[in-house]
Amino acid sequence: FFGLSAYVLITRKDMSFLAGTLMAGF
């Protein structure tokens, strides 16, 4: 949890592209 959160918070990357993958994964 802390590793993933820190990665996004530090890099400020937009992860919205994961939406389709998450829907398929669900």
PDB file of all heavy atoms in Angstrom:
ATOM      1  N   PHE A   1       0.823  -1.213   0.000  1.00  0.00           N
ATOM      2  CA  PHE A   1       0.000   0.000   0.000  1.00  0.00           C
ATOM      3  C   PHE A   1       0.858   1.265   0.000  1.00  0.00           C
ATOM      4  O   PHE A   1       0.653   2.165  -0.817  1.00  0.00           O
ATOM      5  CB  PHE A   1      -0.931   0.010   1.209  1.00  0.00           C
ATOM      6  CG  PHE A   1      -1.675   1.305   1.359  1.00  0.00           C
ATOM      7  CD1 PHE A   1      -2.688   1.651   0.473  1.00  0.00           C
ATOM      8  CD2 PHE A   1      -1.343   2.198   2.367  1.00  0.00           C
ATOM      9  CE1 PHE A   1      -3.357   2.871   0.596  1.00  0.00           C
ATOM     10  CE2 PHE A   1      -2.016   3.408   2.508  1.00  0.00           C
ATOM     11  CZ  PHE A   1      -3.018   3.743   1.610  1.00  0.00           C
ATOM     12  N   PHE A   2       1.799   1.341   0.925  1.00  0.00           N
ATOM     13  CA  PHE A   2       2.609   2.551   1.023  1.00  0.00           C
ATOM     14  C   PHE A   2       3.496   2.751  -0.202  1.00  0.00           C
ATOM     15  O   PHE A   2       3.714   3.879  -0.648  1.00  0.00           O
ATOM     16  CB  PHE A   2       3.455   2.517   2.295  1.00  0.00           C
ATOM     17  CG  PHE A   2       2.659   2.728   3.546  1.00  0.00           C
ATOM     18  CD1 PHE A   2       2.535   1.718   4.492  1.00  0.00           C
ATOM     19  CD2 PHE A   2       2.001   3.930   3.779  1.00  0.00           C
ATOM     20  CE1 PHE A   2       1.784   1.904   5.647  1.00  0.00           C
ATOM     21  CE2 PHE A   2       1.242   4.131   4.923  1.00  0.00           C
ATOM     22  CZ  PHE A   2       1.144   3.110   5.859  1.00  0.00           C
ATOM     23  N   GLY A   3       4.002   1.647  -0.745  1.00  0.00           N
ATOM     24  CA  GLY A   3       4.839   1.748  -1.934  1.00  0.00           C
ATOM     25  C   GLY A   3       4.068   2.268  -3.141  1.00  0.00           C
ATOM     26  O   GLY A   3       4.531   3.178  -3.850  1.00  0.00           O
ATOM     27  N   LEU A   4       2.888   1.722  -3.379  1.00  0.00           N
ATOM     28  CA  LEU A   4       2.072   2.138  -4.519  1.00  0.00           C
ATOM     29  C   LEU A   4       1.571   3.570  -4.353  1.00  0.00           C
ATOM     30  O   LEU A   4       1.588   4.365  -5.301  1.00  0.00           O
ATOM     31  CB  LEU A   4       0.884   1.188  -4.693  1.00  0.00           C
ATOM     32  CG  LEU A   4       1.228  -0.249  -5.093  1.00  0.00           C
ATOM     33  CD1 LEU A   4      -0.023  -1.120  -5.048  1.00  0.00           C
ATOM     34  CD2 LEU A   4       1.860  -0.291  -6.478  1.00  0.00           C
ATOM     35  N   SER A   5       1.130   3.906  -3.147  1.00  0.00           N
ATOM     36  CA  SER A   5       0.634   5.259  -2.886  1.00  0.00           C
ATOM     37  C   SER A   5       1.750   6.279  -3.060  1.00  0.00           C
ATOM     38  O   SER A   5       1.553   7.330  -3.678  1.00  0.00           O
ATOM     39  CB  SER A   5       0.070   5.357  -1.466  1.00  0.00           C
ATOM     40  OG  SER A   5      -1.042   4.509  -1.301  1.00  0.00           O
ATOM     41  N   ALA A   6       2.924   5.956  -2.515  1.00  0.00           N
ATOM     42  CA  ALA A   6       4.056   6.871  -2.622  1.00  0.00           C
ATOM     43  C   ALA A   6       4.454   7.074  -4.078  1.00  0.00           C
ATOM     44  O   ALA A   6       4.780   8.202  -4.490  1.00  0.00           O
ATOM     45  CB  ALA A   6       5.242   6.332  -1.818  1.00  0.00           C
ATOM     46  N   TYR A   7       4.425   6.000  -4.856  1.00  0.00           N
ATOM     47  CA  TYR A   7       4.790   6.095  -6.271  1.00  0.00           C
ATOM     48  C   TYR A   7       3.894   7.083  -7.005  1.00  0.00           C
ATOM     49  O   TYR A   7       4.370   7.956  -7.738  1.00  0.00           O
ATOM     50  CB  TYR A   7       4.703   4.714  -6.920  1.00  0.00           C
ATOM     51  CG  TYR A   7       4.863   4.749  -8.421  1.00  0.00           C
ATOM     52  CD1 TYR A   7       6.113   4.936  -8.995  1.00  0.00           C
ATOM     53  CD2 TYR A   7       3.760   4.607  -9.262  1.00  0.00           C
ATOM     54  CE1 TYR A   7       6.268   4.983 -10.374  1.00  0.00           C
ATOM     55  CE2 TYR A   7       3.898   4.656 -10.640  1.00  0.00           C
ATOM     56  CZ  TYR A   7       5.159   4.839 -11.188  1.00  0.00           C
ATOM     57  OH  TYR A   7       5.294   4.899 -12.557  1.00  0.00           O
ATOM     58  N   VAL A   8       2.587   6.962  -6.801  1.00  0.00           N
ATOM     59  CA  VAL A   8       1.647   7.848  -7.489  1.00  0.00           C
ATOM     60  C   VAL A   8       1.762   9.282  -6.969  1.00  0.00           C
ATOM     61  O   VAL A   8       1.745  10.241  -7.741  1.00  0.00           O
ATOM     62  CB  VAL A   8       0.204   7.338  -7.329  1.00  0.00           C
ATOM     63  CG1 VAL A   8      -0.789   8.305  -7.974  1.00  0.00           C
ATOM     64  CG2 VAL A   8       0.051   5.959  -7.949  1.00  0.00           C
ATOM     65  N   LEU A   9       1.904   9.437  -5.661  1.00  0.00           N
ATOM     66  CA  LEU A   9       1.984  10.771  -5.069  1.00  0.00           C
ATOM     67  C   LEU A   9       3.256  11.499  -5.489  1.00  0.00           C
ATOM     68  O   LEU A   9       3.252  12.715  -5.707  1.00  0.00           O
ATOM     69  CB  LEU A   9       1.927  10.679  -3.539  1.00  0.00           C
ATOM     70  CG  LEU A   9       0.572  10.285  -2.944  1.00  0.00           C
ATOM     71  CD1 LEU A   9       0.709  10.009  -1.453  1.00  0.00           C
ATOM     72  CD2 LEU A   9      -0.467  11.383  -3.190  1.00  0.00           C
ATOM     73  N   ILE A  10       4.352  10.763  -5.613  1.00  0.00           N
ATOM     74  CA  ILE A  10       5.631  11.386  -5.970  1.00  0.00           C
ATOM     75  C   ILE A  10       5.708  11.687  -7.465  1.00  0.00           C
ATOM     76  O   ILE A  10       6.112  12.770  -7.874  1.00  0.00           O
ATOM     77  CB  ILE A  10       6.813  10.485  -5.550  1.00  0.00           C
ATOM     78  CG1 ILE A  10       6.894  10.426  -4.017  1.00  0.00           C
ATOM     79  CG2 ILE A  10       8.133  11.007  -6.121  1.00  0.00           C
ATOM     80  CD1 ILE A  10       7.887   9.408  -3.493  1.00  0.00           C
ATOM     81  N   THR A  11       5.306  10.721  -8.290  1.00  0.00           N
ATOM     82  CA  THR A  11       5.402  10.911  -9.744  1.00  0.00           C
ATOM     83  C   THR A  11       4.262  11.754 -10.299  1.00  0.00           C
ATOM     84  O   THR A  11       4.380  12.321 -11.389  1.00  0.00           O
ATOM     85  CB  THR A  11       5.407   9.559 -10.462  1.00  0.00           C
ATOM     86  OG1 THR A  11       4.154   8.875 -10.231  1.00  0.00           O
ATOM     87  CG2 THR A  11       6.554   8.684  -9.971  1.00  0.00           C
ATOM     88  N   ARG A  12       3.127  11.813  -9.555  1.00  0.00           N
ATOM     89  CA  ARG A  12       1.923  12.533  -9.996  1.00  0.00           C
ATOM     90  C   ARG A  12       1.381  11.995 -11.318  1.00  0.00           C
ATOM     91  O   ARG A  12       0.715  12.719 -12.070  1.00  0.00           O
ATOM     92  CB  ARG A  12       2.212  14.034 -10.152  1.00  0.00           C
ATOM     93  CG  ARG A  12       2.983  14.671  -9.018  1.00  0.00           C
ATOM     94  CD  ARG A  12       2.189  14.729  -7.738  1.00  0.00           C
ATOM     95  NE  ARG A  12       1.094  15.697  -7.797  1.00  0.00           N
ATOM     96  CZ  ARG A  12       0.338  16.019  -6.744  1.00  0.00           C
ATOM     97  NH1 ARG A  12       0.559  15.436  -5.573  1.00  0.00           N
ATOM     98  NH2 ARG A  12      -0.633  16.892  -6.862  1.00  0.00           N
ATOM     99  N   LYS A  13       1.606  10.730 -11.589  1.00  0.00           N
ATOM    100  CA  LYS A  13       1.146  10.147 -12.841  1.00  0.00           C
ATOM    101  C   LYS A  13      -0.373   9.975 -12.843  1.00  0.00           C
ATOM    102  O   LYS A  13      -0.969   9.653 -11.827  1.00  0.00           O
ATOM    103  CB  LYS A  13       1.819   8.793 -13.086  1.00  0.00           C
ATOM    104  CG  LYS A  13       3.262   8.909 -13.539  1.00  0.00           C
ATOM    105  CD  LYS A  13       3.799   7.570 -13.996  1.00  0.00           C
ATOM    106  CE  LYS A  13       5.208   7.707 -14.564  1.00  0.00           C
ATOM    107  NZ  LYS A  13       5.750   6.401 -15.049  1.00  0.00           N
ATOM    108  N   ASP A  14      -0.951  10.202 -14.009  1.00  0.00           N
ATOM    109  CA  ASP A  14      -2.394  10.020 -14.179  1.00  0.00           C
ATOM    110  C   ASP A  14      -2.662   8.552 -14.504  1.00  0.00           C
ATOM    111  O   ASP A  14      -2.252   8.060 -15.556  1.00  0.00           O
ATOM    112  CB  ASP A  14      -2.891  10.926 -15.307  1.00  0.00           C
ATOM    113  CG  ASP A  14      -4.406  10.886 -15.458  1.00  0.00           C
ATOM    114  OD1 ASP A  14      -5.048  10.081 -14.756  1.00  0.00           O
ATOM    115  OD2 ASP A  14      -4.939  11.645 -16.283  1.00  0.00           O
ATOM    116  N   MET A  15      -3.332   7.857 -13.606  1.00  0.00           N
ATOM    117  CA  MET A  15      -3.595   6.432 -13.776  1.00  0.00           C
ATOM    118  C   MET A  15      -4.994   6.146 -14.319  1.00  0.00           C
ATOM    119  O   MET A  15      -5.484   5.022 -14.208  1.00  0.00           O
ATOM    120  CB  MET A  15      -3.412   5.718 -12.429  1.00  0.00           C
ATOM    121  CG  MET A  15      -2.007   5.776 -11.879  1.00  0.00           C
ATOM    122  SD  MET A  15      -0.865   4.811 -12.890  1.00  0.00           S
ATOM    123  CE  MET A  15       0.700   5.188 -12.083  1.00  0.00           C
ATOM    124  N   SER A  16      -5.623   7.159 -14.891  1.00  0.00           N
ATOM    125  CA  SER A  16      -6.986   6.965 -15.397  1.00  0.00           C
ATOM    126  C   SER A  16      -7.040   5.936 -16.523  1.00  0.00           C
ATOM    127  O   SER A  16      -8.107   5.364 -16.792  1.00  0.00           O
ATOM    128  CB  SER A  16      -7.567   8.292 -15.876  1.00  0.00           C
ATOM    129  OG  SER A  16      -6.774   8.856 -16.895  1.00  0.00           O
ATOM    130  N   PHE A  17      -5.900   5.683 -17.174  1.00  0.00           N
ATOM    131  CA  PHE A  17      -5.872   4.703 -18.259  1.00  0.00           C
ATOM    132  C   PHE A  17      -6.146   3.280 -17.758  1.00  0.00           C
ATOM    133  O   PHE A  17      -6.406   2.371 -18.557  1.00  0.00           O
ATOM    134  CB  PHE A  17      -4.507   4.742 -18.967  1.00  0.00           C
ATOM    135  CG  PHE A  17      -3.358   4.278 -18.123  1.00  0.00           C
ATOM    136  CD1 PHE A  17      -2.976   2.940 -18.106  1.00  0.00           C
ATOM    137  CD2 PHE A  17      -2.645   5.172 -17.342  1.00  0.00           C
ATOM    138  CE1 PHE A  17      -1.918   2.503 -17.331  1.00  0.00           C
ATOM    139  CE2 PHE A  17      -1.589   4.753 -16.548  1.00  0.00           C
ATOM    140  CZ  PHE A  17      -1.232   3.413 -16.546  1.00  0.00           C
ATOM    141  N   LEU A  18      -6.090   3.089 -16.428  1.00  0.00           N
ATOM    142  CA  LEU A  18      -6.337   1.760 -15.860  1.00  0.00           C
ATOM    143  C   LEU A  18      -7.817   1.405 -15.790  1.00  0.00           C
ATOM    144  O   LEU A  18      -8.163   0.263 -15.484  1.00  0.00           O
ATOM    145  CB  LEU A  18      -5.746   1.673 -14.450  1.00  0.00           C
ATOM    146  CG  LEU A  18      -4.218   1.664 -14.318  1.00  0.00           C
ATOM    147  CD1 LEU A  18      -3.831   1.734 -12.836  1.00  0.00           C
ATOM    148  CD2 LEU A  18      -3.629   0.429 -14.971  1.00  0.00           C
ATOM    149  N   ALA A  19      -8.690   2.370 -16.063  1.00  0.00           N
ATOM    150  CA  ALA A  19     -10.132   2.150 -15.902  1.00  0.00           C
ATOM    151  C   ALA A  19     -10.635   0.939 -16.676  1.00  0.00           C
ATOM    152  O   ALA A  19     -11.355   0.086 -16.134  1.00  0.00           O
ATOM    153  CB  ALA A  19     -10.902   3.409 -16.316  1.00  0.00           C
ATOM    154  N   GLY A  20     -10.263   0.845 -17.953  1.00  0.00           N
ATOM    155  CA  GLY A  20     -10.716  -0.276 -18.775  1.00  0.00           C
ATOM    156  C   GLY A  20     -10.178  -1.608 -18.279  1.00  0.00           C
ATOM    157  O   GLY A  20     -10.901  -2.613 -18.227  1.00  0.00           O
ATOM    158  N   THR A  21      -8.911  -1.621 -17.882  1.00  0.00           N
ATOM    159  CA  THR A  21      -8.291  -2.841 -17.355  1.00  0.00           C
ATOM    160  C   THR A  21      -8.967  -3.293 -16.077  1.00  0.00           C
ATOM    161  O   THR A  21      -9.191  -4.489 -15.857  1.00  0.00           O
ATOM    162  CB  THR A  21      -6.793  -2.605 -17.086  1.00  0.00           C
ATOM    163  OG1 THR A  21      -6.150  -2.173 -18.296  1.00  0.00           O
ATOM    164  CG2 THR A  21      -6.123  -3.876 -16.598  1.00  0.00           C
ATOM    165  N   LEU A  22      -9.306  -2.323 -15.220  1.00  0.00           N
ATOM    166  CA  LEU A  22      -9.972  -2.654 -13.969  1.00  0.00           C
ATOM    167  C   LEU A  22     -11.362  -3.233 -14.198  1.00  0.00           C
ATOM    168  O   LEU A  22     -11.776  -4.172 -13.500  1.00  0.00           O
ATOM    169  CB  LEU A  22     -10.064  -1.403 -13.080  1.00  0.00           C
ATOM    170  CG  LEU A  22      -8.739  -0.911 -12.493  1.00  0.00           C
ATOM    171  CD1 LEU A  22      -8.913   0.443 -11.830  1.00  0.00           C
ATOM    172  CD2 LEU A  22      -8.193  -1.930 -11.494  1.00  0.00           C
ATOM    173  N   MET A  23     -12.074  -2.695 -15.157  1.00  0.00           N
ATOM    174  CA  MET A  23     -13.404  -3.220 -15.458  1.00  0.00           C
ATOM    175  C   MET A  23     -13.310  -4.657 -15.972  1.00  0.00           C
ATOM    176  O   MET A  23     -14.075  -5.540 -15.540  1.00  0.00           O
ATOM    177  CB  MET A  23     -14.088  -2.339 -16.499  1.00  0.00           C
ATOM    178  CG  MET A  23     -15.496  -2.810 -16.876  1.00  0.00           C
ATOM    179  SD  MET A  23     -16.617  -2.941 -15.452  1.00  0.00           S
ATOM    180  CE  MET A  23     -16.808  -1.191 -15.041  1.00  0.00           C
ATOM    181  N   ALA A  24     -12.361  -4.894 -16.866  1.00  0.00           N
ATOM    182  CA  ALA A  24     -12.176  -6.248 -17.386  1.00  0.00           C
ATOM    183  C   ALA A  24     -11.733  -7.192 -16.274  1.00  0.00           C
ATOM    184  O   ALA A  24     -12.217  -8.325 -16.164  1.00  0.00           O
ATOM    185  CB  ALA A  24     -11.135  -6.229 -18.510  1.00  0.00           C
ATOM    186  N   GLY A  25     -10.817  -6.712 -15.418  1.00  0.00           N
ATOM    187  CA  GLY A  25     -10.329  -7.528 -14.315  1.00  0.00           C
ATOM    188  C   GLY A  25     -11.426  -7.890 -13.337  1.00  0.00           C
ATOM    189  O   GLY A  25     -11.456  -9.001 -12.794  1.00  0.00           O
ATOM    190  N   PHE A  26     -12.351  -6.954 -13.109  1.00  0.00           N
ATOM    191  CA  PHE A  26     -13.468  -7.209 -12.202  1.00  0.00           C
ATOM    192  C   PHE A  26     -14.292  -8.401 -12.668  1.00  0.00           C
ATOM    193  O   PHE A  26     -14.608  -9.305 -11.892  1.00  0.00           O
ATOM    194  CB  PHE A  26     -14.347  -5.954 -12.110  1.00  0.00           C
ATOM    195  CG  PHE A  26     -15.631  -6.165 -11.366  1.00  0.00           C
ATOM    196  CD1 PHE A  26     -15.651  -6.183  -9.978  1.00  0.00           C
ATOM    197  CD2 PHE A  26     -16.831  -6.351 -12.048  1.00  0.00           C
ATOM    198  CE1 PHE A  26     -16.843  -6.389  -9.286  1.00  0.00           C
ATOM    199  CE2 PHE A  26     -18.021  -6.549 -11.366  1.00  0.00           C
ATOM    200  CZ  PHE A  26     -18.023  -6.572  -9.983  1.00  0.00           C
TER     201      PHE A  26
END
